[in-house]
């Protein structure tokens, strides 16, 4: 086999994963590479109703200073959302009008969320500032993950519901 032909074959094989990755994004598939939820392939399922407490959603974070800093610290990756941020997978735990209290744990309408301890520092030792709490404003959602190191509304507060891309449905996932 000629050297040129080997190069063409290797280049073609290298392009296959990129093509599959690109086609997956067009078909509403996403790879989760963060430990907040199982690793692997997820699908964004169109949401044809209002968001409810308990929904696990894909949501684009807003383009704010908070999320710019989160990107710099590595809490949020690059992606196709505005500001070139990656969508988050989180569970909706409070809707507009509900009360959120943040102390050592998170409480919604006076009921503590299991596994919601607020961490003073991230895994790199950088200080984390918790959201002060209050009533969830109109058109926003309070998001959460039970993963101890999750960057969620405990720290960034409620975010606009307009960023919801759809429900997050696992396709091929695993927990390391």
N, C-alpha and C. Protein backbone atom coordinates (compact mmCIF):
# COMPACT_ATOMS: atom_id res chain seq x y z
N UNK A 1 0.85 -1.16 0.00
CA UNK A 1 0.00 0.00 0.00
C UNK A 1 0.91 1.24 0.00
N UNK A 2 0.54 2.20 -0.81
CA UNK A 2 1.36 3.40 -0.92
C UNK A 2 1.20 4.28 0.33
N UNK A 3 2.19 5.10 0.55
CA UNK A 3 2.16 6.00 1.70
C UNK A 3 0.98 6.96 1.60
N UNK A 4 0.73 7.48 0.43
CA UNK A 4 -0.39 8.41 0.22
C UNK A 4 -1.71 7.75 0.58
N UNK A 5 -1.91 6.52 0.16
CA UNK A 5 -3.15 5.81 0.43
C UNK A 5 -3.31 5.58 1.94
N UNK A 6 -2.23 5.24 2.64
CA UNK A 6 -2.30 5.05 4.09
C UNK A 6 -2.70 6.35 4.79
N UNK A 7 -2.13 7.46 4.32
CA UNK A 7 -2.47 8.75 4.92
C UNK A 7 -3.94 9.07 4.71
N UNK A 8 -4.45 8.81 3.52
CA UNK A 8 -5.87 9.07 3.23
C UNK A 8 -6.75 8.20 4.12
N UNK A 9 -6.41 6.94 4.30
CA UNK A 9 -7.20 6.03 5.13
C UNK A 9 -7.18 6.49 6.59
N UNK A 10 -6.01 6.84 7.09
CA UNK A 10 -5.90 7.31 8.48
C UNK A 10 -6.68 8.60 8.67
N UNK A 11 -6.59 9.52 7.73
CA UNK A 11 -7.33 10.78 7.82
C UNK A 11 -8.84 10.51 7.81
N UNK A 12 -9.28 9.61 6.95
CA UNK A 12 -10.70 9.28 6.88
C UNK A 12 -11.18 8.67 8.20
N UNK A 13 -10.40 7.76 8.76
CA UNK A 13 -10.77 7.14 10.03
C UNK A 13 -10.80 8.16 11.17
N UNK A 14 -9.91 9.12 11.13
CA UNK A 14 -9.89 10.17 12.15
C UNK A 14 -11.11 11.06 12.06
N UNK A 15 -11.66 11.20 10.88
CA UNK A 15 -12.84 12.05 10.68
C UNK A 15 -14.14 11.39 11.12
N UNK A 16 -14.18 10.06 11.19
CA UNK A 16 -15.42 9.36 11.56
C UNK A 16 -15.92 9.79 12.94
N UNK A 17 -15.09 9.78 14.00
CA UNK A 17 -15.61 10.23 15.30
C UNK A 17 -16.08 11.68 15.27
N UNK A 18 -15.38 12.53 14.56
CA UNK A 18 -15.80 13.93 14.47
C UNK A 18 -17.15 14.05 13.78
N UNK A 19 -17.35 13.29 12.71
CA UNK A 19 -18.62 13.32 11.99
C UNK A 19 -19.75 12.81 12.88
N UNK A 20 -19.51 11.71 13.61
CA UNK A 20 -20.54 11.18 14.51
C UNK A 20 -20.87 12.18 15.60
N UNK A 21 -19.84 12.82 16.14
CA UNK A 21 -20.04 13.84 17.18
C UNK A 21 -20.91 14.98 16.63
N UNK A 22 -20.59 15.46 15.44
CA UNK A 22 -21.35 16.55 14.82
C UNK A 22 -22.78 16.15 14.53
N UNK A 23 -22.99 14.94 14.01
CA UNK A 23 -24.35 14.48 13.72
C UNK A 23 -25.15 14.34 15.01
N UNK A 24 -24.50 13.91 16.08
CA UNK A 24 -25.18 13.77 17.36
C UNK A 24 -25.69 15.10 17.88
N UNK A 25 -24.91 16.15 17.73
CA UNK A 25 -25.35 17.47 18.18
C UNK A 25 -26.53 17.95 17.36
N UNK A 26 -26.55 17.64 16.08
CA UNK A 26 -27.67 18.03 15.24
C UNK A 26 -28.94 17.26 15.57
N UNK A 27 -28.81 16.08 16.12
CA UNK A 27 -29.96 15.23 16.44
C UNK A 27 -30.33 15.31 17.92
N UNK A 28 -29.89 16.36 18.60
CA UNK A 28 -30.20 16.58 20.01
C UNK A 28 -29.62 15.54 20.95
N UNK A 29 -28.45 15.03 20.62
CA UNK A 29 -27.71 14.15 21.52
C UNK A 29 -26.55 14.94 22.10
N UNK A 30 -26.23 14.68 23.34
CA UNK A 30 -25.11 15.34 24.00
C UNK A 30 -24.34 14.31 24.82
N UNK A 31 -23.05 14.55 24.94
CA UNK A 31 -22.21 13.74 25.81
C UNK A 31 -22.06 14.46 27.14
N UNK A 32 -22.31 13.76 28.22
CA UNK A 32 -22.04 14.32 29.54
C UNK A 32 -20.71 13.76 30.01
N UNK A 33 -19.78 14.68 30.29
CA UNK A 33 -18.45 14.29 30.76
C UNK A 33 -18.19 14.81 32.17
N UNK A 34 -19.28 15.22 32.86
CA UNK A 34 -19.14 15.73 34.22
C UNK A 34 -19.77 14.74 35.20
N UNK A 35 -19.31 14.72 36.45
CA UNK A 35 -19.82 13.72 37.40
C UNK A 35 -21.16 14.07 38.05
N UNK A 36 -21.77 15.20 37.71
CA UNK A 36 -23.05 15.57 38.33
C UNK A 36 -24.15 14.56 38.02
N UNK A 37 -24.07 13.94 36.86
CA UNK A 37 -25.00 12.89 36.45
C UNK A 37 -24.19 11.82 35.74
N UNK A 38 -24.76 10.64 35.49
CA UNK A 38 -23.97 9.58 34.85
C UNK A 38 -23.30 10.04 33.55
N UNK A 39 -22.09 9.57 33.34
CA UNK A 39 -21.32 9.90 32.14
C UNK A 39 -21.92 9.17 30.95
N UNK A 40 -21.77 9.78 29.77
CA UNK A 40 -22.20 9.09 28.56
C UNK A 40 -23.09 9.93 27.67
N UNK A 41 -23.85 9.23 26.85
CA UNK A 41 -24.69 9.85 25.83
C UNK A 41 -26.08 10.12 26.39
N UNK A 42 -26.52 11.36 26.20
CA UNK A 42 -27.84 11.81 26.64
C UNK A 42 -28.58 12.38 25.44
N UNK A 43 -29.90 12.42 25.54
CA UNK A 43 -30.74 13.00 24.49
C UNK A 43 -31.54 14.15 25.08
N UNK A 44 -31.70 15.20 24.30
CA UNK A 44 -32.57 16.31 24.70
C UNK A 44 -33.95 16.02 24.13
N UNK A 45 -34.91 15.76 25.02
CA UNK A 45 -36.28 15.49 24.59
C UNK A 45 -37.09 16.78 24.68
N UNK A 46 -37.72 17.14 23.58
CA UNK A 46 -38.52 18.36 23.53
C UNK A 46 -39.55 18.35 24.65
N UNK A 47 -39.69 19.48 25.29
CA UNK A 47 -40.62 19.64 26.40
C UNK A 47 -41.85 20.38 25.87
N UNK A 48 -42.99 19.70 25.81
CA UNK A 48 -44.22 20.28 25.27
C UNK A 48 -45.20 20.66 26.38
N UNK A 49 -44.66 21.03 27.51
CA UNK A 49 -45.45 21.43 28.67
C UNK A 49 -44.59 22.36 29.51
N UNK A 50 -45.18 22.91 30.55
CA UNK A 50 -44.40 23.74 31.47
C UNK A 50 -43.43 22.87 32.26
N UNK A 51 -42.31 23.45 32.64
CA UNK A 51 -41.32 22.76 33.47
C UNK A 51 -41.94 22.51 34.84
N UNK A 52 -41.62 21.34 35.40
CA UNK A 52 -42.13 20.95 36.72
C UNK A 52 -40.97 20.66 37.67
N UNK A 53 -41.24 20.77 38.96
CA UNK A 53 -40.27 20.33 39.96
C UNK A 53 -40.03 18.84 39.72
N UNK A 54 -38.76 18.44 39.73
CA UNK A 54 -38.39 17.05 39.50
C UNK A 54 -37.93 16.78 38.08
N UNK A 55 -38.20 17.71 37.15
CA UNK A 55 -37.72 17.53 35.78
C UNK A 55 -36.21 17.64 35.74
N UNK A 56 -35.56 16.71 35.07
CA UNK A 56 -34.12 16.80 34.80
C UNK A 56 -34.01 17.40 33.41
N UNK A 57 -33.36 18.57 33.32
CA UNK A 57 -33.35 19.32 32.07
C UNK A 57 -31.93 19.62 31.58
N UNK A 58 -31.86 19.84 30.28
CA UNK A 58 -30.70 20.50 29.69
C UNK A 58 -31.06 21.97 29.65
N UNK A 59 -30.17 22.83 30.11
CA UNK A 59 -30.44 24.26 30.14
C UNK A 59 -29.18 25.04 29.82
N UNK A 60 -29.33 26.05 28.97
CA UNK A 60 -28.20 26.94 28.67
C UNK A 60 -28.07 27.96 29.80
N UNK A 61 -26.88 28.09 30.35
CA UNK A 61 -26.69 29.12 31.39
C UNK A 61 -26.72 30.51 30.77
N UNK A 62 -27.11 31.50 31.54
CA UNK A 62 -27.12 32.86 31.00
C UNK A 62 -25.69 33.39 30.84
N UNK A 63 -25.54 34.34 29.96
CA UNK A 63 -24.23 34.97 29.74
C UNK A 63 -24.10 36.08 30.79
N UNK A 64 -23.48 35.72 31.91
CA UNK A 64 -23.30 36.65 33.02
C UNK A 64 -21.86 36.55 33.52
N UNK A 65 -21.49 37.47 34.35
CA UNK A 65 -20.16 37.44 34.97
C UNK A 65 -19.98 36.17 35.79
N UNK A 66 -21.02 35.75 36.47
CA UNK A 66 -20.96 34.53 37.28
C UNK A 66 -20.56 33.33 36.41
N UNK A 67 -21.18 33.21 35.24
CA UNK A 67 -20.88 32.06 34.39
C UNK A 67 -19.57 32.25 33.61
N UNK A 68 -19.16 33.48 33.41
CA UNK A 68 -17.83 33.70 32.82
C UNK A 68 -16.77 33.17 33.79
N UNK A 69 -16.93 33.49 35.06
CA UNK A 69 -15.99 33.01 36.07
C UNK A 69 -16.09 31.48 36.21
N UNK A 70 -17.30 30.94 36.12
CA UNK A 70 -17.48 29.49 36.20
C UNK A 70 -16.75 28.81 35.04
N UNK A 71 -16.77 29.42 33.88
CA UNK A 71 -16.05 28.87 32.72
C UNK A 71 -14.55 28.90 32.99
N UNK A 72 -14.06 30.02 33.52
CA UNK A 72 -12.63 30.15 33.83
C UNK A 72 -12.18 29.11 34.86
N UNK A 73 -13.03 28.82 35.83
CA UNK A 73 -12.68 27.86 36.88
C UNK A 73 -12.89 26.41 36.43
N UNK A 74 -13.51 26.21 35.27
CA UNK A 74 -13.72 24.87 34.76
C UNK A 74 -15.01 24.21 35.22
N UNK A 75 -15.91 24.97 35.85
CA UNK A 75 -17.19 24.41 36.28
C UNK A 75 -18.12 24.18 35.09
N UNK A 76 -17.98 25.01 34.07
CA UNK A 76 -18.79 24.93 32.86
C UNK A 76 -17.83 24.84 31.69
N UNK A 77 -18.15 23.99 30.75
CA UNK A 77 -17.27 23.80 29.59
C UNK A 77 -17.74 24.64 28.42
N UNK A 78 -16.91 24.64 27.37
CA UNK A 78 -17.30 25.29 26.12
C UNK A 78 -18.39 24.49 25.46
N UNK A 79 -19.30 25.19 24.78
CA UNK A 79 -20.39 24.50 24.11
C UNK A 79 -21.10 25.41 23.13
N UNK A 80 -22.31 25.01 22.78
CA UNK A 80 -23.06 25.68 21.73
C UNK A 80 -24.12 26.65 22.25
N UNK A 81 -24.15 26.88 23.55
CA UNK A 81 -25.09 27.86 24.12
C UNK A 81 -24.53 29.26 23.92
N UNK A 82 -25.36 30.29 24.09
CA UNK A 82 -24.83 31.66 24.03
C UNK A 82 -23.63 31.82 24.93
N UNK A 83 -22.67 32.63 24.50
CA UNK A 83 -21.44 32.81 25.25
C UNK A 83 -20.49 31.63 25.10
N UNK A 84 -20.81 30.74 24.18
CA UNK A 84 -20.03 29.52 23.92
C UNK A 84 -19.91 28.63 25.16
N UNK A 85 -20.99 28.60 25.96
CA UNK A 85 -21.03 27.76 27.14
C UNK A 85 -21.76 26.46 26.82
N UNK A 86 -21.42 25.43 27.54
CA UNK A 86 -22.08 24.14 27.38
C UNK A 86 -23.37 24.11 28.18
N UNK A 87 -24.40 23.43 27.67
CA UNK A 87 -25.62 23.31 28.48
C UNK A 87 -25.35 22.50 29.74
N UNK A 88 -26.10 22.80 30.77
CA UNK A 88 -26.02 22.09 32.04
C UNK A 88 -27.09 21.01 32.07
N UNK A 89 -26.83 19.91 32.76
CA UNK A 89 -27.86 18.93 33.08
C UNK A 89 -28.12 19.12 34.58
N UNK A 90 -29.34 19.50 34.93
CA UNK A 90 -29.69 19.72 36.33
C UNK A 90 -31.14 19.33 36.55
N UNK A 91 -31.49 19.12 37.81
CA UNK A 91 -32.87 18.82 38.19
C UNK A 91 -33.51 20.09 38.75
N UNK A 92 -34.71 20.36 38.31
CA UNK A 92 -35.47 21.52 38.79
C UNK A 92 -36.01 21.17 40.18
N UNK A 93 -35.64 21.99 41.18
CA UNK A 93 -36.11 21.74 42.54
C UNK A 93 -36.99 22.85 43.08
N UNK A 94 -37.05 24.00 42.39
CA UNK A 94 -37.94 25.08 42.82
C UNK A 94 -38.33 25.92 41.61
N UNK A 95 -39.57 26.35 41.63
CA UNK A 95 -40.16 27.16 40.56
C UNK A 95 -40.44 28.57 41.09
N UNK A 96 -40.79 29.50 40.20
CA UNK A 96 -41.10 30.86 40.64
C UNK A 96 -42.14 30.87 41.77
N UNK A 97 -41.85 31.70 42.77
CA UNK A 97 -42.73 31.84 43.92
C UNK A 97 -42.36 30.96 45.10
N UNK A 98 -41.54 29.94 44.87
CA UNK A 98 -41.13 29.07 45.97
C UNK A 98 -39.97 29.71 46.73
N UNK A 99 -39.89 29.41 48.01
CA UNK A 99 -38.86 29.97 48.89
C UNK A 99 -37.66 29.04 48.98
N UNK A 100 -36.47 29.61 48.81
CA UNK A 100 -35.22 28.86 48.91
C UNK A 100 -34.42 29.42 50.08
N UNK A 101 -34.03 28.53 51.00
CA UNK A 101 -33.17 28.92 52.12
C UNK A 101 -31.84 28.20 51.94
N UNK A 102 -30.75 28.97 52.08
CA UNK A 102 -29.42 28.39 51.96
C UNK A 102 -28.69 28.61 53.29
N UNK A 103 -28.30 27.52 53.90
CA UNK A 103 -27.49 27.54 55.12
C UNK A 103 -26.42 26.48 54.93
N UNK A 104 -26.34 25.56 55.88
CA UNK A 104 -25.44 24.42 55.70
C UNK A 104 -26.00 23.50 54.61
N UNK A 105 -27.32 23.52 54.45
CA UNK A 105 -28.03 22.74 53.43
C UNK A 105 -29.00 23.65 52.71
N UNK A 106 -29.64 23.13 51.67
CA UNK A 106 -30.65 23.86 50.91
C UNK A 106 -32.02 23.40 51.37
N UNK A 107 -32.92 24.33 51.59
CA UNK A 107 -34.30 24.01 51.92
C UNK A 107 -35.22 24.73 50.94
N UNK A 108 -36.23 24.01 50.47
CA UNK A 108 -37.23 24.59 49.58
C UNK A 108 -38.55 24.60 50.35
N UNK A 109 -39.13 25.80 50.51
CA UNK A 109 -40.37 25.96 51.28
C UNK A 109 -40.25 25.29 52.66
N UNK A 110 -39.07 25.41 53.27
CA UNK A 110 -38.85 24.90 54.61
C UNK A 110 -38.45 23.43 54.69
N UNK A 111 -38.44 22.71 53.57
CA UNK A 111 -38.06 21.30 53.57
C UNK A 111 -36.64 21.13 53.03
N UNK A 112 -35.77 20.53 53.86
CA UNK A 112 -34.37 20.34 53.45
C UNK A 112 -34.27 19.35 52.29
N UNK A 113 -33.43 19.69 51.33
CA UNK A 113 -33.14 18.77 50.21
C UNK A 113 -32.09 17.77 50.67
N UNK A 114 -32.32 16.48 50.43
CA UNK A 114 -31.28 15.50 50.76
C UNK A 114 -30.01 15.76 49.94
N UNK A 115 -28.88 15.47 50.52
CA UNK A 115 -27.58 15.58 49.84
C UNK A 115 -27.32 16.98 49.28
N UNK A 116 -27.76 18.01 50.01
CA UNK A 116 -27.63 19.37 49.50
C UNK A 116 -26.65 20.22 50.30
N UNK A 117 -25.68 19.60 50.95
CA UNK A 117 -24.71 20.37 51.74
C UNK A 117 -24.04 21.42 50.87
N UNK A 118 -23.89 22.59 51.42
CA UNK A 118 -23.23 23.70 50.72
C UNK A 118 -21.74 23.63 51.06
N UNK A 119 -20.92 23.59 50.04
CA UNK A 119 -19.47 23.46 50.21
C UNK A 119 -18.83 24.85 50.29
N UNK A 120 -17.89 25.05 51.21
CA UNK A 120 -17.21 26.35 51.29
C UNK A 120 -16.15 26.54 50.21
N UNK A 121 -15.65 25.42 49.65
CA UNK A 121 -14.59 25.48 48.64
C UNK A 121 -14.84 24.43 47.57
N UNK A 122 -14.31 24.70 46.37
CA UNK A 122 -14.41 23.71 45.29
C UNK A 122 -13.28 22.69 45.43
N UNK A 123 -13.20 21.75 44.50
CA UNK A 123 -12.19 20.70 44.55
C UNK A 123 -10.77 21.21 44.44
N UNK A 124 -10.60 22.44 43.94
CA UNK A 124 -9.27 23.05 43.82
C UNK A 124 -8.93 23.95 45.00
N UNK A 125 -9.84 24.02 45.97
CA UNK A 125 -9.60 24.85 47.14
C UNK A 125 -10.05 26.29 47.00
N UNK A 126 -10.68 26.63 45.86
CA UNK A 126 -11.15 28.00 45.67
C UNK A 126 -12.48 28.21 46.41
N UNK A 127 -12.61 29.39 46.99
CA UNK A 127 -13.81 29.70 47.78
C UNK A 127 -15.05 29.70 46.89
N UNK A 128 -16.12 29.12 47.43
CA UNK A 128 -17.43 29.14 46.77
C UNK A 128 -18.36 30.03 47.58
N UNK A 129 -19.04 30.92 46.92
CA UNK A 129 -19.98 31.80 47.59
C UNK A 129 -21.39 31.29 47.31
N UNK A 130 -22.12 30.89 48.35
CA UNK A 130 -23.47 30.40 48.11
C UNK A 130 -24.44 31.52 47.77
N UNK A 131 -25.46 31.16 47.03
CA UNK A 131 -26.58 32.07 46.75
C UNK A 131 -27.23 32.41 48.09
N UNK A 132 -27.65 33.67 48.30
CA UNK A 132 -28.20 34.03 49.62
C UNK A 132 -29.59 33.48 49.91
N UNK A 133 -30.28 32.98 48.90
CA UNK A 133 -31.63 32.47 49.11
C UNK A 133 -32.67 33.54 48.84
N UNK A 134 -33.92 33.17 49.02
CA UNK A 134 -35.04 34.07 48.78
C UNK A 134 -36.11 33.38 47.96
N UNK A 135 -37.03 34.17 47.44
CA UNK A 135 -38.11 33.64 46.61
C UNK A 135 -37.63 33.56 45.17
N UNK A 136 -37.88 32.43 44.53
CA UNK A 136 -37.47 32.25 43.14
C UNK A 136 -38.27 33.24 42.28
N UNK A 137 -37.57 34.11 41.54
CA UNK A 137 -38.26 35.12 40.73
C UNK A 137 -39.02 34.51 39.55
N UNK A 138 -39.94 35.28 39.02
CA UNK A 138 -40.70 34.87 37.83
C UNK A 138 -39.74 34.53 36.70
N UNK A 139 -40.13 33.57 35.90
CA UNK A 139 -39.39 33.16 34.69
C UNK A 139 -38.01 32.58 34.96
N UNK A 140 -37.77 32.11 36.20
CA UNK A 140 -36.49 31.47 36.52
C UNK A 140 -36.74 30.11 37.17
N UNK A 141 -35.66 29.34 37.27
CA UNK A 141 -35.71 28.00 37.88
C UNK A 141 -34.54 27.86 38.84
N UNK A 142 -34.77 27.14 39.92
CA UNK A 142 -33.70 26.81 40.86
C UNK A 142 -33.32 25.37 40.58
N UNK A 143 -32.05 25.14 40.26
CA UNK A 143 -31.56 23.85 39.77
C UNK A 143 -30.60 23.19 40.76
N UNK A 144 -30.55 21.86 40.71
CA UNK A 144 -29.79 21.14 41.72
C UNK A 144 -29.33 19.78 41.18
N UNK A 145 -28.23 19.30 41.74
CA UNK A 145 -27.75 17.93 41.52
C UNK A 145 -27.29 17.40 42.87
N UNK A 146 -27.55 16.14 43.13
CA UNK A 146 -27.15 15.56 44.42
C UNK A 146 -25.65 15.29 44.50
N UNK A 147 -24.93 15.44 43.40
CA UNK A 147 -23.48 15.25 43.42
C UNK A 147 -22.85 16.30 44.32
N UNK A 148 -22.02 15.88 45.25
CA UNK A 148 -21.44 16.78 46.26
C UNK A 148 -20.73 17.98 45.65
N UNK A 149 -20.03 17.79 44.55
CA UNK A 149 -19.26 18.87 43.94
C UNK A 149 -19.98 19.58 42.81
N UNK A 150 -21.29 19.41 42.72
CA UNK A 150 -22.03 20.02 41.61
C UNK A 150 -22.04 21.54 41.71
N UNK A 151 -21.87 22.17 40.57
CA UNK A 151 -22.02 23.63 40.48
C UNK A 151 -23.46 23.86 40.02
N UNK A 152 -24.29 24.26 40.96
CA UNK A 152 -25.71 24.42 40.66
C UNK A 152 -26.24 25.67 41.33
N UNK A 153 -27.56 25.79 41.43
CA UNK A 153 -28.16 27.02 41.96
C UNK A 153 -27.82 27.29 43.42
N UNK A 154 -27.24 26.32 44.12
CA UNK A 154 -26.73 26.61 45.48
C UNK A 154 -25.74 27.77 45.42
N UNK A 155 -25.04 27.87 44.30
CA UNK A 155 -23.98 28.86 44.14
C UNK A 155 -24.35 29.96 43.16
N UNK A 156 -24.98 29.64 42.04
CA UNK A 156 -25.28 30.68 41.04
C UNK A 156 -26.71 31.20 41.12
N UNK A 157 -27.56 30.63 41.95
CA UNK A 157 -28.93 31.11 42.11
C UNK A 157 -29.83 30.66 40.97
N UNK A 158 -31.08 31.14 40.98
CA UNK A 158 -32.01 30.78 39.91
C UNK A 158 -31.53 31.34 38.57
N UNK A 159 -31.81 30.60 37.49
CA UNK A 159 -31.44 31.08 36.16
C UNK A 159 -32.67 31.07 35.25
N UNK A 160 -32.63 31.84 34.16
CA UNK A 160 -33.81 31.99 33.30
C UNK A 160 -34.32 30.66 32.73
N UNK A 161 -35.62 30.45 32.87
CA UNK A 161 -36.27 29.25 32.32
C UNK A 161 -36.22 29.25 30.80
N UNK A 162 -36.03 30.41 30.20
CA UNK A 162 -35.95 30.50 28.74
C UNK A 162 -34.78 29.69 28.19
N UNK A 163 -33.79 29.37 29.03
CA UNK A 163 -32.64 28.60 28.59
C UNK A 163 -32.88 27.10 28.49
N UNK A 164 -34.07 26.62 28.93
CA UNK A 164 -34.34 25.18 28.90
C UNK A 164 -34.37 24.70 27.45
N UNK A 165 -33.55 23.69 27.17
CA UNK A 165 -33.51 23.09 25.84
C UNK A 165 -34.47 21.91 25.75
N UNK A 166 -34.74 21.26 26.88
CA UNK A 166 -35.63 20.10 26.92
C UNK A 166 -35.26 19.20 28.08
N UNK A 167 -35.98 18.10 28.18
CA UNK A 167 -35.70 17.13 29.23
C UNK A 167 -34.42 16.37 28.91
N UNK A 168 -33.67 16.01 29.93
CA UNK A 168 -32.42 15.25 29.76
C UNK A 168 -32.74 13.77 29.96
N UNK A 169 -32.57 12.99 28.91
CA UNK A 169 -32.87 11.56 28.95
C UNK A 169 -31.60 10.76 28.67
N UNK A 170 -31.21 9.87 29.58
CA UNK A 170 -30.01 9.06 29.33
C UNK A 170 -30.26 8.08 28.19
N UNK A 171 -29.25 7.91 27.33
CA UNK A 171 -29.31 6.96 26.22
C UNK A 171 -28.36 5.80 26.50
N UNK A 172 -27.09 6.15 26.69
CA UNK A 172 -26.08 5.15 27.01
C UNK A 172 -25.16 5.79 28.03
N UNK A 173 -25.39 5.49 29.31
CA UNK A 173 -24.65 6.16 30.38
C UNK A 173 -24.09 5.13 31.35
N UNK A 174 -23.13 5.57 32.15
CA UNK A 174 -22.57 4.73 33.19
C UNK A 174 -22.05 5.61 34.30
N UNK A 175 -22.01 5.03 35.49
CA UNK A 175 -21.49 5.73 36.67
C UNK A 175 -20.15 5.09 37.02
N UNK A 176 -19.07 5.89 36.96
CA UNK A 176 -17.75 5.31 37.26
C UNK A 176 -17.61 4.90 38.71
